[in-house]
């Protein structure tokens, strides 16, 4: 909450990059958007990367392979040892129970939710958030 995290202040980082989201060489997508419709997220990314990638998704098998091989379930089984260590340290709870991430409000105490909302309101007042983010229960 005070910006004392591994990579400095989250909100400074977020606002800095979010302001670049419409630049032609920047692809911005939220976890919530990817989680709610992975196929659409892959299609958006393919379009961003170029016509050849967009065209390759016309083959439904290609899209299904991407969705399968990038799923948490697949990666939990097939990730190399380095990635296993990374995920164990950084994302243990999410990998063991993927439903925790989209329901973060359920694991936060009420006062944490209030503090997060206040922080978001203070730091992101001038940022136009996507509609999908506005519905998150831990955001203002």
N, C-alpha and C. Protein backbone atom coordinates (compact mmCIF):
# COMPACT_ATOMS: atom_id res chain seq x y z
N UNK A 1 0.82 -1.20 0.00
CA UNK A 1 0.00 0.00 0.00
C UNK A 1 0.86 1.26 0.00
N UNK A 2 2.12 1.14 0.42
CA UNK A 2 2.98 2.31 0.51
C UNK A 2 4.04 2.34 -0.59
N UNK A 3 3.89 1.49 -1.60
CA UNK A 3 4.83 1.49 -2.71
C UNK A 3 6.13 0.79 -2.41
N UNK A 4 6.22 0.09 -1.31
CA UNK A 4 7.46 -0.57 -0.93
C UNK A 4 7.38 -2.05 -1.32
N UNK A 5 7.39 -2.30 -2.61
CA UNK A 5 7.34 -3.66 -3.13
C UNK A 5 8.53 -3.88 -4.04
N UNK A 6 8.70 -5.09 -4.50
CA UNK A 6 9.86 -5.49 -5.27
C UNK A 6 10.16 -4.55 -6.45
N UNK A 7 9.16 -4.20 -7.19
CA UNK A 7 9.37 -3.39 -8.39
C UNK A 7 8.85 -1.97 -8.23
N UNK A 8 9.00 -1.39 -7.07
CA UNK A 8 8.55 -0.03 -6.75
C UNK A 8 7.04 0.04 -6.66
N UNK A 9 6.51 1.23 -6.77
CA UNK A 9 5.09 1.45 -6.54
C UNK A 9 4.23 0.90 -7.68
N UNK A 10 3.30 0.05 -7.34
CA UNK A 10 2.41 -0.57 -8.33
C UNK A 10 1.68 0.49 -9.14
N UNK A 11 1.16 1.50 -8.48
CA UNK A 11 0.35 2.50 -9.16
C UNK A 11 1.18 3.36 -10.11
N UNK A 12 2.42 3.69 -9.73
CA UNK A 12 3.30 4.41 -10.65
C UNK A 12 3.53 3.57 -11.90
N UNK A 13 3.80 2.30 -11.69
CA UNK A 13 4.02 1.38 -12.81
C UNK A 13 2.77 1.27 -13.68
N UNK A 14 1.64 1.06 -13.04
CA UNK A 14 0.38 0.89 -13.77
C UNK A 14 0.04 2.13 -14.59
N UNK A 15 0.05 3.29 -13.95
CA UNK A 15 -0.33 4.52 -14.65
C UNK A 15 0.64 4.80 -15.80
N UNK A 16 1.92 4.57 -15.58
CA UNK A 16 2.91 4.80 -16.63
C UNK A 16 2.66 3.95 -17.86
N UNK A 17 2.40 2.68 -17.65
CA UNK A 17 2.15 1.80 -18.79
C UNK A 17 0.73 1.95 -19.34
N UNK A 18 -0.22 2.14 -18.47
CA UNK A 18 -1.60 2.25 -18.94
C UNK A 18 -1.78 3.45 -19.85
N UNK A 19 -1.04 4.51 -19.61
CA UNK A 19 -1.14 5.69 -20.47
C UNK A 19 -0.61 5.39 -21.87
N UNK A 20 0.14 4.31 -22.02
CA UNK A 20 0.70 3.93 -23.33
C UNK A 20 -0.15 2.89 -24.06
N UNK A 21 -1.26 2.50 -23.49
CA UNK A 21 -2.03 1.37 -24.00
C UNK A 21 -2.51 1.52 -25.44
N UNK A 22 -2.66 2.74 -25.93
CA UNK A 22 -3.15 2.94 -27.30
C UNK A 22 -2.03 3.13 -28.32
N UNK A 23 -0.80 3.03 -27.88
CA UNK A 23 0.32 3.13 -28.81
C UNK A 23 0.32 1.90 -29.71
N UNK A 24 0.72 2.05 -30.98
CA UNK A 24 0.63 0.92 -31.91
C UNK A 24 1.54 -0.26 -31.56
N UNK A 25 2.58 -0.03 -30.79
CA UNK A 25 3.49 -1.13 -30.45
C UNK A 25 3.30 -1.65 -29.02
N UNK A 26 2.14 -1.35 -28.43
CA UNK A 26 1.84 -1.81 -27.07
C UNK A 26 0.56 -2.63 -27.09
N UNK A 27 0.64 -3.82 -26.52
CA UNK A 27 -0.54 -4.67 -26.37
C UNK A 27 -0.90 -4.70 -24.90
N UNK A 28 -2.07 -4.21 -24.57
CA UNK A 28 -2.51 -4.16 -23.17
C UNK A 28 -3.77 -5.00 -23.01
N UNK A 29 -3.74 -5.86 -22.00
CA UNK A 29 -4.90 -6.70 -21.71
C UNK A 29 -4.88 -7.01 -20.21
N UNK A 30 -6.03 -7.10 -19.63
CA UNK A 30 -6.10 -7.40 -18.20
C UNK A 30 -6.23 -8.91 -17.98
N UNK A 31 -5.83 -9.33 -16.80
CA UNK A 31 -6.03 -10.73 -16.43
C UNK A 31 -7.51 -11.08 -16.51
N UNK A 32 -8.35 -10.14 -16.05
CA UNK A 32 -9.79 -10.39 -16.03
C UNK A 32 -10.32 -10.62 -17.44
N UNK A 33 -9.83 -9.85 -18.40
CA UNK A 33 -10.27 -10.02 -19.79
C UNK A 33 -9.80 -11.38 -20.32
N UNK A 34 -8.56 -11.74 -20.06
CA UNK A 34 -8.06 -13.04 -20.52
C UNK A 34 -8.81 -14.18 -19.85
N UNK A 35 -9.07 -14.04 -18.58
CA UNK A 35 -9.75 -15.09 -17.82
C UNK A 35 -11.19 -15.27 -18.28
N UNK A 36 -11.87 -14.18 -18.59
CA UNK A 36 -13.28 -14.28 -18.95
C UNK A 36 -13.50 -14.83 -20.35
N UNK A 37 -12.56 -14.58 -21.27
CA UNK A 37 -12.72 -15.07 -22.64
C UNK A 37 -11.33 -15.31 -23.26
N UNK A 38 -10.70 -16.43 -22.91
CA UNK A 38 -9.35 -16.69 -23.40
C UNK A 38 -9.24 -16.71 -24.93
N UNK A 39 -10.23 -17.24 -25.61
CA UNK A 39 -10.18 -17.29 -27.08
C UNK A 39 -10.15 -15.89 -27.67
N UNK A 40 -10.98 -15.02 -27.16
CA UNK A 40 -10.99 -13.64 -27.65
C UNK A 40 -9.65 -12.95 -27.37
N UNK A 41 -9.06 -13.23 -26.21
CA UNK A 41 -7.77 -12.64 -25.87
C UNK A 41 -6.69 -13.11 -26.85
N UNK A 42 -6.69 -14.40 -27.18
CA UNK A 42 -5.72 -14.93 -28.14
C UNK A 42 -5.94 -14.29 -29.51
N UNK A 43 -7.18 -14.13 -29.91
CA UNK A 43 -7.47 -13.50 -31.21
C UNK A 43 -7.01 -12.05 -31.24
N UNK A 44 -7.21 -11.32 -30.14
CA UNK A 44 -6.73 -9.94 -30.06
C UNK A 44 -5.21 -9.88 -30.18
N UNK A 45 -4.53 -10.79 -29.47
CA UNK A 45 -3.08 -10.83 -29.52
C UNK A 45 -2.59 -11.16 -30.93
N UNK A 46 -3.23 -12.13 -31.57
CA UNK A 46 -2.85 -12.50 -32.94
C UNK A 46 -3.01 -11.31 -33.88
N UNK A 47 -4.09 -10.58 -33.75
CA UNK A 47 -4.30 -9.41 -34.59
C UNK A 47 -3.21 -8.37 -34.34
N UNK A 48 -2.84 -8.18 -33.09
CA UNK A 48 -1.78 -7.24 -32.74
C UNK A 48 -0.44 -7.65 -33.36
N UNK A 49 -0.15 -8.95 -33.32
CA UNK A 49 1.14 -9.45 -33.82
C UNK A 49 1.25 -9.39 -35.33
N UNK A 50 0.11 -9.45 -36.04
CA UNK A 50 0.18 -9.32 -37.49
C UNK A 50 -0.76 -10.27 -38.20
N UNK A 51 -0.93 -9.98 -39.47
CA UNK A 51 -1.89 -10.71 -40.31
C UNK A 51 -1.62 -12.21 -40.34
N UNK A 52 -0.36 -12.62 -40.41
CA UNK A 52 -0.07 -14.06 -40.50
C UNK A 52 -0.56 -14.80 -39.25
N UNK A 53 -0.46 -14.16 -38.08
CA UNK A 53 -0.91 -14.80 -36.85
C UNK A 53 -2.43 -14.82 -36.78
N UNK A 54 -3.03 -13.72 -37.20
CA UNK A 54 -4.50 -13.66 -37.24
C UNK A 54 -5.03 -14.73 -38.19
N UNK A 55 -4.41 -14.84 -39.35
CA UNK A 55 -4.85 -15.81 -40.35
C UNK A 55 -4.67 -17.25 -39.85
N UNK A 56 -3.61 -17.49 -39.08
CA UNK A 56 -3.37 -18.86 -38.59
C UNK A 56 -4.49 -19.33 -37.68
N UNK A 57 -5.19 -18.40 -37.04
CA UNK A 57 -6.28 -18.78 -36.14
C UNK A 57 -7.56 -19.15 -36.89
N UNK A 58 -7.55 -19.00 -38.20
CA UNK A 58 -8.71 -19.46 -38.98
C UNK A 58 -8.84 -20.98 -38.87
N UNK A 59 -7.72 -21.64 -38.61
CA UNK A 59 -7.73 -23.08 -38.34
C UNK A 59 -8.07 -23.25 -36.86
N UNK A 60 -9.25 -23.73 -36.57
CA UNK A 60 -9.73 -23.88 -35.20
C UNK A 60 -8.80 -24.72 -34.33
N UNK A 61 -8.10 -25.68 -34.96
CA UNK A 61 -7.17 -26.53 -34.20
C UNK A 61 -6.01 -25.71 -33.62
N UNK A 62 -5.57 -24.71 -34.38
CA UNK A 62 -4.48 -23.85 -33.89
C UNK A 62 -4.93 -23.10 -32.65
N UNK A 63 -6.10 -22.50 -32.71
CA UNK A 63 -6.63 -21.78 -31.56
C UNK A 63 -6.80 -22.72 -30.36
N UNK A 64 -7.36 -23.89 -30.59
CA UNK A 64 -7.56 -24.84 -29.49
C UNK A 64 -6.23 -25.29 -28.88
N UNK A 65 -5.22 -25.47 -29.73
CA UNK A 65 -3.89 -25.84 -29.21
C UNK A 65 -3.32 -24.73 -28.33
N UNK A 66 -3.44 -23.49 -28.78
CA UNK A 66 -2.94 -22.36 -27.99
C UNK A 66 -3.65 -22.32 -26.65
N UNK A 67 -4.97 -22.45 -26.68
CA UNK A 67 -5.74 -22.40 -25.44
C UNK A 67 -5.36 -23.56 -24.51
N UNK A 68 -5.17 -24.73 -25.09
CA UNK A 68 -4.82 -25.90 -24.29
C UNK A 68 -3.42 -25.76 -23.68
N UNK A 69 -2.44 -25.42 -24.53
CA UNK A 69 -1.05 -25.37 -24.07
C UNK A 69 -0.75 -24.17 -23.18
N UNK A 70 -1.61 -23.18 -23.17
CA UNK A 70 -1.38 -22.02 -22.30
C UNK A 70 -2.27 -22.05 -21.06
N UNK A 71 -3.00 -23.13 -20.88
CA UNK A 71 -3.87 -23.23 -19.70
C UNK A 71 -3.05 -23.49 -18.44
N UNK A 72 -3.57 -23.08 -17.33
CA UNK A 72 -2.88 -23.31 -16.05
C UNK A 72 -2.74 -24.81 -15.80
N UNK A 73 -3.79 -25.58 -16.10
CA UNK A 73 -3.73 -27.02 -15.88
C UNK A 73 -2.59 -27.66 -16.68
N UNK A 74 -2.45 -27.28 -17.95
CA UNK A 74 -1.39 -27.84 -18.78
C UNK A 74 -0.02 -27.42 -18.25
N UNK A 75 0.12 -26.15 -17.94
CA UNK A 75 1.42 -25.65 -17.50
C UNK A 75 1.83 -26.22 -16.14
N UNK A 76 0.86 -26.51 -15.28
CA UNK A 76 1.21 -27.12 -13.99
C UNK A 76 1.87 -28.47 -14.19
N UNK A 77 1.47 -29.18 -15.23
CA UNK A 77 2.02 -30.51 -15.47
C UNK A 77 3.31 -30.45 -16.28
N UNK A 78 3.38 -29.53 -17.24
CA UNK A 78 4.46 -29.57 -18.23
C UNK A 78 5.51 -28.47 -18.11
N UNK A 79 5.38 -27.58 -17.19
CA UNK A 79 6.36 -26.49 -17.07
C UNK A 79 7.72 -27.06 -16.67
N UNK A 80 8.78 -26.41 -17.16
CA UNK A 80 10.11 -26.89 -16.76
C UNK A 80 10.38 -26.53 -15.30
N UNK A 81 11.46 -27.07 -14.77
CA UNK A 81 11.73 -26.92 -13.34
C UNK A 81 11.90 -25.46 -12.93
N UNK A 82 12.52 -24.65 -13.77
CA UNK A 82 12.67 -23.22 -13.44
C UNK A 82 11.31 -22.57 -13.26
N UNK A 83 10.42 -22.83 -14.19
CA UNK A 83 9.09 -22.23 -14.10
C UNK A 83 8.33 -22.78 -12.90
N UNK A 84 8.52 -24.04 -12.59
CA UNK A 84 7.87 -24.59 -11.39
C UNK A 84 8.32 -23.84 -10.14
N UNK A 85 9.63 -23.59 -10.04
CA UNK A 85 10.13 -22.82 -8.89
C UNK A 85 9.54 -21.42 -8.87
N UNK A 86 9.51 -20.79 -10.03
CA UNK A 86 8.95 -19.44 -10.11
C UNK A 86 7.50 -19.43 -9.65
N UNK A 87 6.71 -20.35 -10.18
CA UNK A 87 5.30 -20.39 -9.82
C UNK A 87 5.10 -20.76 -8.36
N UNK A 88 5.93 -21.64 -7.85
CA UNK A 88 5.82 -21.99 -6.43
C UNK A 88 6.02 -20.76 -5.56
N UNK A 89 7.02 -19.95 -5.90
CA UNK A 89 7.32 -18.78 -5.09
C UNK A 89 6.33 -17.65 -5.32
N UNK A 90 5.97 -17.39 -6.55
CA UNK A 90 5.20 -16.20 -6.89
C UNK A 90 3.69 -16.41 -6.93
N UNK A 91 3.26 -17.60 -7.31
CA UNK A 91 1.83 -17.78 -7.57
C UNK A 91 1.28 -19.06 -6.95
N UNK A 92 1.85 -19.50 -5.88
CA UNK A 92 1.46 -20.78 -5.29
C UNK A 92 -0.05 -20.91 -5.11
N UNK A 93 -0.66 -19.94 -4.48
CA UNK A 93 -2.10 -20.04 -4.20
C UNK A 93 -2.93 -20.06 -5.48
N UNK A 94 -2.55 -19.25 -6.46
CA UNK A 94 -3.32 -19.19 -7.70
C UNK A 94 -3.21 -20.50 -8.46
N UNK A 95 -2.01 -21.08 -8.50
CA UNK A 95 -1.85 -22.34 -9.22
C UNK A 95 -2.56 -23.49 -8.53
N UNK A 96 -2.55 -23.49 -7.23
CA UNK A 96 -3.22 -24.57 -6.51
C UNK A 96 -4.73 -24.41 -6.53
N UNK A 97 -5.19 -23.18 -6.62
CA UNK A 97 -6.62 -22.90 -6.65
C UNK A 97 -6.88 -21.70 -7.54
N UNK A 98 -6.98 -21.90 -8.88
CA UNK A 98 -7.12 -20.78 -9.80
C UNK A 98 -8.34 -19.90 -9.53
N UNK A 99 -9.29 -20.38 -8.77
CA UNK A 99 -10.47 -19.55 -8.50
C UNK A 99 -10.16 -18.42 -7.53
N UNK A 100 -9.01 -18.45 -6.88
CA UNK A 100 -8.67 -17.37 -5.95
C UNK A 100 -8.48 -16.04 -6.66
N UNK A 101 -7.83 -16.05 -7.81
CA UNK A 101 -7.50 -14.79 -8.47
C UNK A 101 -8.73 -13.99 -8.89
N UNK A 102 -9.70 -14.58 -9.58
CA UNK A 102 -10.85 -13.75 -9.96
C UNK A 102 -11.76 -13.40 -8.79
N UNK A 103 -11.55 -14.02 -7.65
CA UNK A 103 -12.37 -13.75 -6.48
C UNK A 103 -11.53 -13.21 -5.34
N UNK A 104 -10.58 -12.34 -5.67
CA UNK A 104 -9.66 -11.84 -4.65
C UNK A 104 -10.39 -11.21 -3.48
N UNK A 105 -11.55 -10.60 -3.75
CA UNK A 105 -12.29 -9.95 -2.67
C UNK A 105 -12.68 -10.96 -1.59
N UNK A 106 -12.84 -12.22 -1.98
CA UNK A 106 -13.21 -13.24 -1.01
C UNK A 106 -12.07 -13.58 -0.05
N UNK A 107 -10.83 -13.30 -0.44
CA UNK A 107 -9.71 -13.62 0.44
C UNK A 107 -9.16 -12.39 1.15
N UNK A 108 -9.69 -11.23 0.81
CA UNK A 108 -9.27 -9.99 1.47
C UNK A 108 -10.20 -9.68 2.63
N UNK A 109 -9.64 -9.17 3.69
CA UNK A 109 -10.47 -8.72 4.79
C UNK A 109 -11.15 -7.42 4.39
N UNK A 110 -12.29 -7.14 5.01
CA UNK A 110 -13.09 -5.98 4.65
C UNK A 110 -12.28 -4.68 4.69
N UNK A 111 -11.44 -4.50 5.70
CA UNK A 111 -10.66 -3.27 5.77
C UNK A 111 -9.62 -3.19 4.66
N UNK A 112 -9.14 -4.35 4.18
CA UNK A 112 -8.22 -4.36 3.05
C UNK A 112 -8.93 -3.89 1.78
N UNK A 113 -10.16 -4.36 1.58
CA UNK A 113 -10.94 -3.94 0.42
C UNK A 113 -11.15 -2.43 0.46
N UNK A 114 -11.49 -1.89 1.62
CA UNK A 114 -11.72 -0.45 1.76
C UNK A 114 -10.43 0.31 1.46
N UNK A 115 -9.30 -0.16 1.99
CA UNK A 115 -8.02 0.51 1.74
C UNK A 115 -7.63 0.44 0.27
N UNK A 116 -7.87 -0.71 -0.37
CA UNK A 116 -7.59 -0.84 -1.80
C UNK A 116 -8.45 0.11 -2.62
N UNK A 117 -9.74 0.16 -2.32
CA UNK A 117 -10.63 1.07 -3.04
C UNK A 117 -10.16 2.51 -2.91
N UNK A 118 -9.81 2.90 -1.70
CA UNK A 118 -9.36 4.27 -1.46
C UNK A 118 -8.08 4.55 -2.26
N UNK A 119 -7.14 3.61 -2.24
CA UNK A 119 -5.88 3.77 -2.97
C UNK A 119 -6.15 3.88 -4.47
N UNK A 120 -7.02 3.02 -4.99
CA UNK A 120 -7.36 3.08 -6.41
C UNK A 120 -7.99 4.43 -6.75
N UNK A 121 -8.89 4.89 -5.91
CA UNK A 121 -9.54 6.18 -6.16
C UNK A 121 -8.53 7.31 -6.17
N UNK A 122 -7.60 7.30 -5.23
CA UNK A 122 -6.60 8.36 -5.15
C UNK A 122 -5.64 8.33 -6.33
N UNK A 123 -5.12 7.15 -6.65
CA UNK A 123 -4.06 7.05 -7.63
C UNK A 123 -4.53 6.95 -9.07
N UNK A 124 -5.77 6.47 -9.26
CA UNK A 124 -6.25 6.25 -10.63
C UNK A 124 -7.42 7.15 -10.99
N UNK A 125 -7.59 8.23 -10.27
CA UNK A 125 -8.72 9.13 -10.50
C UNK A 125 -8.74 9.66 -11.93
N UNK A 126 -7.58 9.89 -12.52
CA UNK A 126 -7.51 10.47 -13.87
C UNK A 126 -7.33 9.42 -14.96
N UNK A 127 -7.44 8.15 -14.60
CA UNK A 127 -7.24 7.07 -15.56
C UNK A 127 -8.60 6.49 -15.93
N UNK A 128 -8.84 6.38 -17.23
CA UNK A 128 -10.10 5.80 -17.70
C UNK A 128 -9.93 4.28 -17.78
N UNK A 129 -10.47 3.59 -16.78
CA UNK A 129 -10.34 2.14 -16.71
C UNK A 129 -11.31 1.45 -17.66
N UNK A 130 -10.94 0.27 -18.19
CA UNK A 130 -11.87 -0.49 -19.02
C UNK A 130 -13.10 -0.91 -18.22
N UNK A 131 -14.21 -1.06 -18.90
CA UNK A 131 -15.46 -1.45 -18.24
C UNK A 131 -15.30 -2.74 -17.44
N UNK A 132 -14.54 -3.70 -17.96
CA UNK A 132 -14.36 -4.98 -17.26
C UNK A 132 -13.75 -4.77 -15.89
N UNK A 133 -12.88 -3.80 -15.74
CA UNK A 133 -12.23 -3.56 -14.46
C UNK A 133 -13.15 -2.85 -13.50
N UNK A 134 -14.08 -2.07 -14.02
CA UNK A 134 -14.97 -1.30 -13.16
C UNK A 134 -15.89 -2.20 -12.35
N UNK A 135 -16.10 -3.42 -12.81
CA UNK A 135 -17.01 -4.33 -12.11
C UNK A 135 -16.31 -5.17 -11.05
N UNK A 136 -15.00 -5.04 -10.92
CA UNK A 136 -14.28 -5.82 -9.92
C UNK A 136 -14.67 -5.36 -8.53
N UNK A 137 -15.02 -6.29 -7.65
CA UNK A 137 -15.55 -5.91 -6.34
C UNK A 137 -14.54 -5.21 -5.44
N UNK A 138 -13.25 -5.34 -5.71
CA UNK A 138 -12.26 -4.70 -4.86
C UNK A 138 -11.79 -3.37 -5.42
N UNK A 139 -12.37 -2.93 -6.55
CA UNK A 139 -12.06 -1.62 -7.11
C UNK A 139 -13.21 -0.67 -6.82
N UNK A 140 -12.94 0.65 -6.94
CA UNK A 140 -14.02 1.62 -6.66
C UNK A 140 -15.18 1.48 -7.62
